[in-house]
Amino acid sequence: MGAKYKRVLIKLSGEALVQGVSVQEGEKKPIINYDFLSTVCEKIKKCVDLGVEVAIVVGAGNIWRGKEGKNFQRVRADHMGMLATVINCLAIQDVLESVDVPTRVMTAIEMKQFAEPYIRNKAVSHLTKKRVVIFGCGLGTPYVSTDTAAVMRAKEIDADIVLLAKNVDAVYTADPKKDPAAVKLSDIDYMDVLSKNLQVMDSTATSFSMENKLPILVFGLDDPENICRAVSGEKIGTIVHA
């Protein structure tokens, strides 16, 4: 199996890190499913071994969503969410390094005791040295989603594509959980995503990708092997393009 892309950015949702967790009544649900994350990191290692340069942006939905902090001032709630992404970044770093994948965590907000500040040229340098770069804190700006951070970081580092790993296996004409008549799409234009209000990612991220001709591949993370399939150019999920 060869690689289709030289450099990719993988966007992982925070919810993906807790996928597959089941708890008994009265038990506290963990914020990370270590076994599932280990499998994901093994697949990322497989991609690195193929020669692919990998960057990652991770959300924080397993810990905190700024927009859900209704009793908090929105800017501060978003700052709390940025910090939560760093917890996830460090978890991914730890598991990747346990399987001998060199990594660097870079954050949009300086916390130099355990992460590097984001500098574009430094990030590219790490990638060319085959280190996986994990971006934390989004863009360091409130009101901006990690989806938008993912596509902007991808463009900054000249990634070939954004691999959007989600809890659904593709883009559909409607929510397949609510509409049994929803049709799975193999590809779709950015403008159709916006005009039909399809919940691929937020509209700011979609608009940015359209303006910068950055392709997005949406696929399910229920099977972590899909990461390798995506990197190899197999026909999975939905490609969003011009």
Foldseek 3Di string as FASTA:
>chain_A
DAFPWAEEEEEEEQVQQQPPDDDDPPDDRDSGDLVLLLQLLVLVVVVLVNNHQYEYEYFQVSPADLVPPVVDDSFVSLQVRLVSSVVVVVSSCVSNVVVPAAAAEEELDDDPVHHHHDDLVVSLVCRVVSHYYYYTSQNVGTPDGNLLSRLVSCVSSVTQAYEYEDQAAAFWLDPCVVDVPIDGALEEELVCCVVSVTVPDDNNSSVVCAVVFHKYFYGYCPPSNVVVCVRRPHRTYYIYGD
